[in-house]
N, C-alpha and C. Protein backbone atom coordinates (compact mmCIF):
# COMPACT_ATOMS: atom_id res chain seq x y z
N MET A 1 0.84 -1.18 0.00
CA MET A 1 0.00 0.00 0.00
C MET A 1 0.89 1.24 0.00
N ALA A 2 0.31 2.37 -0.22
CA ALA A 2 1.10 3.59 -0.31
C ALA A 2 0.47 4.70 0.50
N LEU A 3 1.31 5.56 1.04
CA LEU A 3 0.85 6.77 1.70
C LEU A 3 1.30 7.90 0.80
N THR A 4 0.33 8.53 0.13
CA THR A 4 0.69 9.58 -0.82
C THR A 4 -0.04 10.85 -0.48
N ALA A 5 0.54 11.93 -0.87
CA ALA A 5 -0.13 13.22 -0.73
C ALA A 5 0.48 14.19 -1.71
N CYS A 6 -0.34 14.67 -2.56
CA CYS A 6 0.02 15.77 -3.45
C CYS A 6 1.08 15.47 -4.49
N SER A 7 1.59 14.26 -4.56
CA SER A 7 2.63 14.03 -5.54
C SER A 7 2.25 13.02 -6.59
N GLY A 8 1.31 12.15 -6.25
CA GLY A 8 0.95 11.12 -7.18
C GLY A 8 1.94 9.97 -7.20
N GLU A 9 2.99 10.02 -6.39
CA GLU A 9 3.97 8.96 -6.33
C GLU A 9 3.64 8.03 -5.18
N ASP A 10 3.90 6.74 -5.40
CA ASP A 10 3.67 5.76 -4.34
C ASP A 10 4.99 5.46 -3.66
N THR A 11 4.96 5.31 -2.35
CA THR A 11 6.11 4.89 -1.59
C THR A 11 5.80 3.48 -1.11
N LYS A 12 6.48 2.50 -1.64
CA LYS A 12 6.20 1.11 -1.31
C LYS A 12 6.90 0.74 0.00
N THR A 13 6.25 -0.12 0.77
CA THR A 13 6.82 -0.60 2.02
C THR A 13 6.68 -2.09 2.07
N THR A 14 7.17 -2.70 3.13
CA THR A 14 7.08 -4.14 3.27
C THR A 14 5.65 -4.55 3.51
N ALA A 15 5.38 -5.80 3.29
CA ALA A 15 4.02 -6.34 3.31
C ALA A 15 3.23 -5.89 4.52
N GLY A 16 2.20 -5.14 4.26
CA GLY A 16 1.25 -4.75 5.28
C GLY A 16 1.76 -3.83 6.36
N SER A 17 2.98 -3.35 6.26
CA SER A 17 3.50 -2.54 7.35
C SER A 17 2.97 -1.11 7.35
N THR A 18 2.60 -0.60 6.20
CA THR A 18 2.16 0.78 6.14
C THR A 18 1.01 0.95 5.18
N PRO A 19 -0.21 0.78 5.64
CA PRO A 19 -1.36 0.99 4.76
C PRO A 19 -1.44 2.44 4.33
N SER A 20 -2.20 2.66 3.31
CA SER A 20 -2.25 4.01 2.76
C SER A 20 -3.19 4.93 3.51
N ALA A 21 -2.82 6.19 3.54
CA ALA A 21 -3.73 7.22 4.03
C ALA A 21 -4.64 7.62 2.89
N SER A 22 -4.17 7.42 1.70
CA SER A 22 -4.98 7.72 0.53
C SER A 22 -4.47 6.87 -0.61
N THR A 23 -5.36 6.21 -1.30
CA THR A 23 -4.95 5.43 -2.45
C THR A 23 -5.59 6.00 -3.71
N ALA A 24 -5.81 7.28 -3.71
CA ALA A 24 -6.37 7.92 -4.90
C ALA A 24 -5.42 7.67 -6.06
N PRO A 25 -5.93 7.29 -7.20
CA PRO A 25 -5.05 7.01 -8.33
C PRO A 25 -4.25 8.23 -8.73
N SER A 26 -3.02 7.98 -9.18
CA SER A 26 -2.18 9.11 -9.55
C SER A 26 -2.78 9.86 -10.73
N SER A 27 -3.63 9.21 -11.51
CA SER A 27 -4.26 9.92 -12.62
C SER A 27 -5.17 11.03 -12.12
N ALA A 28 -5.62 10.91 -10.86
CA ALA A 28 -6.47 11.96 -10.30
C ALA A 28 -5.69 13.25 -10.11
N ALA A 29 -4.37 13.14 -10.11
CA ALA A 29 -3.55 14.33 -9.92
C ALA A 29 -3.30 15.07 -11.23
N ALA A 30 -3.80 14.53 -12.31
CA ALA A 30 -3.58 15.17 -13.60
C ALA A 30 -4.18 16.57 -13.60
N SER A 31 -3.51 17.45 -14.29
CA SER A 31 -3.98 18.83 -14.36
C SER A 31 -5.27 18.92 -15.15
N ALA A 32 -6.06 19.91 -14.83
CA ALA A 32 -7.28 20.16 -15.61
C ALA A 32 -6.87 20.55 -17.01
N SER A 33 -7.61 20.08 -18.01
CA SER A 33 -7.22 20.36 -19.39
C SER A 33 -7.44 21.81 -19.77
N SER A 34 -8.31 22.48 -19.05
CA SER A 34 -8.49 23.90 -19.31
C SER A 34 -8.56 24.65 -17.99
N ALA A 35 -8.16 25.88 -18.01
CA ALA A 35 -8.19 26.68 -16.79
C ALA A 35 -9.62 26.94 -16.37
N PRO A 36 -9.90 26.88 -15.05
CA PRO A 36 -11.26 27.15 -14.59
C PRO A 36 -11.57 28.63 -14.71
N SER A 37 -12.84 28.94 -14.66
CA SER A 37 -13.22 30.34 -14.70
C SER A 37 -12.66 31.05 -13.48
N SER A 38 -12.48 32.34 -13.56
CA SER A 38 -11.94 33.07 -12.43
C SER A 38 -12.87 32.98 -11.23
N THR A 39 -14.15 32.85 -11.45
CA THR A 39 -15.09 32.70 -10.34
C THR A 39 -14.85 31.38 -9.62
N ALA A 40 -14.65 30.30 -10.39
CA ALA A 40 -14.41 28.99 -9.77
C ALA A 40 -13.08 29.01 -9.03
N ALA A 41 -12.07 29.59 -9.62
CA ALA A 41 -10.76 29.60 -8.98
C ALA A 41 -10.74 30.49 -7.75
N ALA A 42 -11.52 31.53 -7.75
CA ALA A 42 -11.49 32.47 -6.64
C ALA A 42 -12.47 32.11 -5.54
N GLY A 43 -13.34 31.15 -5.76
CA GLY A 43 -14.37 30.88 -4.77
C GLY A 43 -15.48 31.91 -4.96
N THR A 44 -16.60 31.73 -4.29
CA THR A 44 -17.71 32.63 -4.56
C THR A 44 -18.07 33.51 -3.38
N THR A 45 -17.55 33.23 -2.21
CA THR A 45 -17.87 34.06 -1.05
C THR A 45 -16.60 34.46 -0.33
N GLY A 46 -16.74 35.12 0.82
CA GLY A 46 -15.59 35.63 1.57
C GLY A 46 -14.61 34.55 1.97
N GLY A 47 -13.49 34.97 2.53
CA GLY A 47 -12.46 34.03 2.94
C GLY A 47 -11.44 33.84 1.83
N ALA A 48 -10.47 32.98 2.11
CA ALA A 48 -9.45 32.70 1.12
C ALA A 48 -10.08 32.03 -0.10
N SER A 49 -9.53 32.30 -1.27
CA SER A 49 -10.06 31.71 -2.48
C SER A 49 -9.79 30.21 -2.48
N ASP A 50 -10.59 29.48 -3.25
CA ASP A 50 -10.39 28.04 -3.36
C ASP A 50 -8.99 27.74 -3.88
N LYS A 51 -8.53 28.54 -4.82
CA LYS A 51 -7.19 28.31 -5.38
C LYS A 51 -6.13 28.47 -4.30
N LYS A 52 -6.24 29.51 -3.48
CA LYS A 52 -5.27 29.71 -2.39
C LYS A 52 -5.35 28.57 -1.38
N LEU A 53 -6.57 28.13 -1.05
CA LEU A 53 -6.72 27.00 -0.13
C LEU A 53 -6.03 25.77 -0.69
N CYS A 54 -6.24 25.51 -1.97
CA CYS A 54 -5.65 24.33 -2.59
C CYS A 54 -4.13 24.42 -2.66
N GLU A 55 -3.62 25.60 -2.96
CA GLU A 55 -2.16 25.77 -2.98
C GLU A 55 -1.57 25.50 -1.60
N SER A 56 -2.24 25.98 -0.56
CA SER A 56 -1.77 25.74 0.81
C SER A 56 -1.95 24.28 1.21
N ALA A 57 -3.04 23.66 0.76
CA ALA A 57 -3.27 22.24 1.05
C ALA A 57 -2.19 21.40 0.38
N LYS A 58 -1.81 21.78 -0.83
CA LYS A 58 -0.75 21.07 -1.54
C LYS A 58 0.55 21.13 -0.74
N LYS A 59 0.87 22.29 -0.20
CA LYS A 59 2.07 22.44 0.61
C LYS A 59 1.98 21.57 1.86
N ALA A 60 0.83 21.56 2.52
CA ALA A 60 0.65 20.73 3.72
C ALA A 60 0.80 19.25 3.37
N GLY A 61 0.25 18.85 2.24
CA GLY A 61 0.39 17.46 1.81
C GLY A 61 1.83 17.12 1.48
N ASP A 62 2.53 18.05 0.83
CA ASP A 62 3.95 17.83 0.54
C ASP A 62 4.76 17.71 1.83
N ASP A 63 4.44 18.53 2.82
CA ASP A 63 5.12 18.45 4.12
C ASP A 63 4.87 17.09 4.76
N MET A 64 3.63 16.62 4.69
CA MET A 64 3.29 15.32 5.26
C MET A 64 4.06 14.21 4.56
N LYS A 65 4.13 14.30 3.24
CA LYS A 65 4.86 13.28 2.49
C LYS A 65 6.33 13.29 2.89
N SER A 66 6.92 14.46 3.05
CA SER A 66 8.32 14.55 3.47
C SER A 66 8.53 13.91 4.84
N GLN A 67 7.60 14.17 5.76
CA GLN A 67 7.69 13.55 7.09
C GLN A 67 7.60 12.04 6.98
N PHE A 68 6.70 11.56 6.14
CA PHE A 68 6.51 10.12 5.96
C PHE A 68 7.77 9.48 5.37
N VAL A 69 8.31 10.09 4.31
CA VAL A 69 9.51 9.55 3.67
C VAL A 69 10.67 9.51 4.68
N ALA A 70 10.84 10.58 5.43
CA ALA A 70 11.92 10.61 6.44
C ALA A 70 11.72 9.51 7.48
N ALA A 71 10.49 9.29 7.89
CA ALA A 71 10.20 8.24 8.87
C ALA A 71 10.51 6.87 8.28
N MET A 72 10.17 6.66 7.04
CA MET A 72 10.42 5.37 6.39
C MET A 72 11.91 5.13 6.20
N GLN A 73 12.67 6.17 5.92
CA GLN A 73 14.11 6.03 5.70
C GLN A 73 14.84 5.72 7.00
N SER A 74 14.23 6.07 8.12
CA SER A 74 14.90 5.81 9.41
C SER A 74 14.50 4.45 9.99
N GLY A 75 13.76 3.67 9.25
CA GLY A 75 13.33 2.35 9.72
C GLY A 75 11.83 2.25 9.74
N GLU A 76 11.33 1.23 10.37
CA GLU A 76 9.89 1.01 10.45
C GLU A 76 9.28 2.02 11.42
N PRO A 77 8.44 2.94 10.91
CA PRO A 77 7.85 3.96 11.78
C PRO A 77 6.90 3.35 12.81
N SER A 78 6.94 3.89 13.99
CA SER A 78 6.06 3.44 15.08
C SER A 78 4.68 4.09 14.92
N PRO A 79 3.69 3.54 15.60
CA PRO A 79 2.38 4.19 15.60
C PRO A 79 2.45 5.65 16.06
N ALA A 80 3.36 5.96 16.97
CA ALA A 80 3.50 7.34 17.45
C ALA A 80 3.93 8.27 16.32
N VAL A 81 4.78 7.78 15.43
CA VAL A 81 5.23 8.59 14.30
C VAL A 81 4.05 8.87 13.37
N PHE A 82 3.27 7.82 13.07
CA PHE A 82 2.10 8.02 12.22
C PHE A 82 1.09 8.95 12.88
N LYS A 83 0.95 8.81 14.19
CA LYS A 83 0.02 9.69 14.91
C LYS A 83 0.44 11.15 14.74
N LYS A 84 1.74 11.42 14.90
CA LYS A 84 2.24 12.79 14.76
C LYS A 84 2.02 13.32 13.33
N ILE A 85 2.33 12.49 12.34
CA ILE A 85 2.16 12.91 10.95
C ILE A 85 0.69 13.24 10.66
N LEU A 86 -0.21 12.36 11.07
CA LEU A 86 -1.64 12.57 10.82
C LEU A 86 -2.20 13.73 11.63
N THR A 87 -1.73 13.88 12.87
CA THR A 87 -2.19 15.00 13.71
C THR A 87 -1.74 16.33 13.11
N ASP A 88 -0.49 16.39 12.66
CA ASP A 88 0.01 17.61 12.03
C ASP A 88 -0.81 17.96 10.79
N LEU A 89 -1.09 16.95 9.98
CA LEU A 89 -1.87 17.18 8.76
C LEU A 89 -3.28 17.64 9.10
N ASP A 90 -3.90 16.99 10.08
CA ASP A 90 -5.24 17.40 10.54
C ASP A 90 -5.24 18.86 10.96
N GLU A 91 -4.28 19.25 11.79
CA GLU A 91 -4.22 20.63 12.29
C GLU A 91 -4.03 21.63 11.15
N LYS A 92 -3.14 21.31 10.22
CA LYS A 92 -2.89 22.23 9.10
C LYS A 92 -4.13 22.38 8.22
N LEU A 93 -4.76 21.27 7.87
CA LEU A 93 -5.91 21.35 6.96
C LEU A 93 -7.14 21.94 7.64
N THR A 94 -7.35 21.63 8.91
CA THR A 94 -8.50 22.19 9.63
C THR A 94 -8.34 23.70 9.80
N THR A 95 -7.14 24.15 10.14
CA THR A 95 -6.87 25.58 10.26
C THR A 95 -7.03 26.26 8.91
N LEU A 96 -6.52 25.63 7.88
CA LEU A 96 -6.63 26.16 6.52
C LEU A 96 -8.10 26.28 6.10
N ALA A 97 -8.88 25.25 6.35
CA ALA A 97 -10.29 25.25 5.96
C ALA A 97 -11.05 26.39 6.62
N ALA A 98 -10.67 26.72 7.84
CA ALA A 98 -11.35 27.79 8.57
C ALA A 98 -11.11 29.16 7.94
N THR A 99 -10.07 29.29 7.11
CA THR A 99 -9.78 30.58 6.47
C THR A 99 -10.53 30.76 5.16
N GLY A 100 -11.19 29.71 4.69
CA GLY A 100 -11.85 29.78 3.39
C GLY A 100 -13.34 29.98 3.49
N SER A 101 -13.95 30.05 2.33
CA SER A 101 -15.40 30.15 2.26
C SER A 101 -16.00 28.77 2.53
N GLU A 102 -17.28 28.70 2.58
CA GLU A 102 -17.94 27.42 2.83
C GLU A 102 -18.17 26.66 1.53
N GLY A 103 -17.21 26.67 0.65
CA GLY A 103 -17.33 25.98 -0.63
C GLY A 103 -16.84 24.54 -0.54
N LYS A 104 -16.74 23.91 -1.71
CA LYS A 104 -16.36 22.50 -1.79
C LYS A 104 -14.96 22.25 -1.26
N VAL A 105 -14.03 23.16 -1.52
CA VAL A 105 -12.65 22.96 -1.07
C VAL A 105 -12.58 22.97 0.46
N ALA A 106 -13.14 24.00 1.08
CA ALA A 106 -13.10 24.09 2.55
C ALA A 106 -13.81 22.90 3.18
N THR A 107 -14.94 22.51 2.61
CA THR A 107 -15.67 21.35 3.13
C THR A 107 -14.84 20.08 3.02
N ALA A 108 -14.17 19.89 1.89
CA ALA A 108 -13.33 18.71 1.69
C ALA A 108 -12.15 18.71 2.66
N LEU A 109 -11.55 19.88 2.87
CA LEU A 109 -10.42 19.99 3.80
C LEU A 109 -10.86 19.64 5.22
N LYS A 110 -12.03 20.15 5.62
CA LYS A 110 -12.54 19.85 6.96
C LYS A 110 -12.78 18.37 7.14
N GLN A 111 -13.40 17.73 6.13
CA GLN A 111 -13.70 16.30 6.24
C GLN A 111 -12.41 15.48 6.28
N PHE A 112 -11.42 15.86 5.49
CA PHE A 112 -10.15 15.15 5.52
C PHE A 112 -9.51 15.29 6.90
N GLY A 113 -9.61 16.49 7.47
CA GLY A 113 -9.10 16.70 8.83
C GLY A 113 -9.78 15.80 9.84
N VAL A 114 -11.10 15.66 9.71
CA VAL A 114 -11.85 14.77 10.61
C VAL A 114 -11.33 13.33 10.48
N GLU A 115 -11.15 12.88 9.25
CA GLU A 115 -10.68 11.50 9.03
C GLU A 115 -9.25 11.32 9.51
N ALA A 116 -8.39 12.31 9.29
CA ALA A 116 -7.01 12.23 9.77
C ALA A 116 -6.98 12.19 11.30
N SER A 117 -7.84 12.97 11.93
CA SER A 117 -7.93 13.00 13.38
C SER A 117 -8.38 11.64 13.93
N LYS A 118 -9.38 11.05 13.29
CA LYS A 118 -9.85 9.71 13.71
C LYS A 118 -8.71 8.69 13.61
N ALA A 119 -8.00 8.72 12.49
CA ALA A 119 -6.91 7.76 12.29
C ALA A 119 -5.80 7.99 13.31
N ALA A 120 -5.47 9.25 13.57
CA ALA A 120 -4.42 9.57 14.52
C ALA A 120 -4.76 9.09 15.93
N ALA A 121 -6.03 9.07 16.27
CA ALA A 121 -6.46 8.67 17.61
C ALA A 121 -6.49 7.15 17.79
N ALA A 122 -6.38 6.40 16.71
CA ALA A 122 -6.44 4.94 16.79
C ALA A 122 -5.15 4.36 17.36
N ALA A 123 -5.26 3.14 17.86
CA ALA A 123 -4.07 2.45 18.40
C ALA A 123 -3.03 2.24 17.30
N ASP A 124 -3.47 1.98 16.09
CA ASP A 124 -2.58 1.83 14.93
C ASP A 124 -3.02 2.83 13.87
N PRO A 125 -2.50 4.05 13.92
CA PRO A 125 -2.94 5.10 13.00
C PRO A 125 -2.77 4.76 11.52
N ALA A 126 -1.69 4.08 11.17
CA ALA A 126 -1.47 3.73 9.77
C ALA A 126 -2.56 2.79 9.28
N ASP A 127 -2.91 1.81 10.10
CA ASP A 127 -3.97 0.88 9.73
C ASP A 127 -5.32 1.60 9.68
N ALA A 128 -5.57 2.47 10.63
CA ALA A 128 -6.84 3.19 10.68
C ALA A 128 -7.01 4.14 9.50
N ALA A 129 -5.92 4.64 8.95
CA ALA A 129 -5.99 5.55 7.81
C ALA A 129 -6.34 4.81 6.52
N ASP A 130 -6.21 3.50 6.53
CA ASP A 130 -6.51 2.71 5.34
C ASP A 130 -7.97 2.31 5.36
N ASN A 131 -8.84 3.26 5.02
CA ASN A 131 -10.28 3.00 5.03
C ASN A 131 -10.96 3.83 3.95
N PRO A 132 -12.14 3.39 3.52
CA PRO A 132 -12.83 4.08 2.42
C PRO A 132 -13.19 5.54 2.72
N ALA A 133 -13.55 5.85 3.95
CA ALA A 133 -13.92 7.24 4.27
C ALA A 133 -12.72 8.17 4.13
N PHE A 134 -11.55 7.72 4.57
CA PHE A 134 -10.32 8.51 4.46
C PHE A 134 -9.97 8.69 2.98
N GLU A 135 -10.07 7.61 2.22
CA GLU A 135 -9.77 7.67 0.79
C GLU A 135 -10.74 8.61 0.07
N LYS A 136 -12.03 8.56 0.41
CA LYS A 136 -13.02 9.44 -0.20
C LYS A 136 -12.73 10.90 0.13
N ALA A 137 -12.36 11.16 1.39
CA ALA A 137 -12.04 12.53 1.79
C ALA A 137 -10.86 13.07 0.97
N GLY A 138 -9.86 12.24 0.75
CA GLY A 138 -8.72 12.64 -0.08
C GLY A 138 -9.13 12.87 -1.53
N ALA A 139 -9.96 11.99 -2.06
CA ALA A 139 -10.44 12.14 -3.44
C ALA A 139 -11.27 13.40 -3.58
N ASP A 140 -12.03 13.75 -2.54
CA ASP A 140 -12.84 14.97 -2.58
C ASP A 140 -11.97 16.22 -2.64
N ILE A 141 -10.85 16.23 -1.90
CA ILE A 141 -9.92 17.37 -1.97
C ILE A 141 -9.33 17.45 -3.37
N THR A 142 -8.89 16.30 -3.88
CA THR A 142 -8.29 16.26 -5.21
C THR A 142 -9.24 16.82 -6.26
N ALA A 143 -10.50 16.39 -6.21
CA ALA A 143 -11.50 16.85 -7.19
C ALA A 143 -11.83 18.33 -7.02
N ALA A 144 -12.01 18.77 -5.77
CA ALA A 144 -12.36 20.17 -5.53
C ALA A 144 -11.21 21.09 -5.96
N CYS A 145 -9.99 20.67 -5.70
CA CYS A 145 -8.84 21.50 -6.09
C CYS A 145 -8.63 21.48 -7.59
N LYS A 146 -8.91 20.37 -8.22
CA LYS A 146 -8.81 20.31 -9.68
C LYS A 146 -9.77 21.33 -10.29
N ALA A 147 -10.99 21.41 -9.75
CA ALA A 147 -11.97 22.37 -10.24
C ALA A 147 -11.51 23.81 -10.01
N ALA A 148 -10.66 24.02 -8.99
CA ALA A 148 -10.13 25.35 -8.69
C ALA A 148 -8.85 25.64 -9.46
N GLY A 149 -8.40 24.66 -10.27
CA GLY A 149 -7.21 24.88 -11.09
C GLY A 149 -5.90 24.51 -10.43
N VAL A 150 -5.95 23.72 -9.36
CA VAL A 150 -4.74 23.32 -8.66
C VAL A 150 -4.69 21.79 -8.63
N SER A 151 -3.58 21.23 -9.06
CA SER A 151 -3.42 19.79 -9.09
C SER A 151 -2.83 19.30 -7.77
N VAL A 152 -3.62 18.54 -7.03
CA VAL A 152 -3.16 17.92 -5.79
C VAL A 152 -3.57 16.45 -5.83
N ASN A 153 -2.96 15.65 -4.98
CA ASN A 153 -3.33 14.25 -4.87
C ASN A 153 -3.27 13.84 -3.41
N PHE A 154 -4.43 13.72 -2.80
CA PHE A 154 -4.51 13.28 -1.41
C PHE A 154 -5.02 11.88 -1.36
């Protein structure tokens, strides 16, 4: 399984040791074939634009991936390491969502934060992150950001 965020690349691990936080296909990270309208990219109500939210979410996902890769390079990560990675991601995305409008991007970020928080609270966070609700939340961010003109893969 793979733990991916925002890159579309899979990081393979030994059998069953690290289930995925998101198994969204890398094709979901493909760029939109045409630029969205400025209204779609900017969001429709107050707060940070959807595009800005997605750009920040991409950075948070890249940070999470870097933490994960570093943990994997230092050996088999403990549940505490996964808990920290997921908790950090939850905090970043939940805080980010609060700065945006109540559109699809902010809603998707909030839901992903909820799922990351649930997984982080489990006895085995990596195993808990490997579930359909977590995967759907990641796919929802990917789709909402694609509509805003930002390519991410959660």
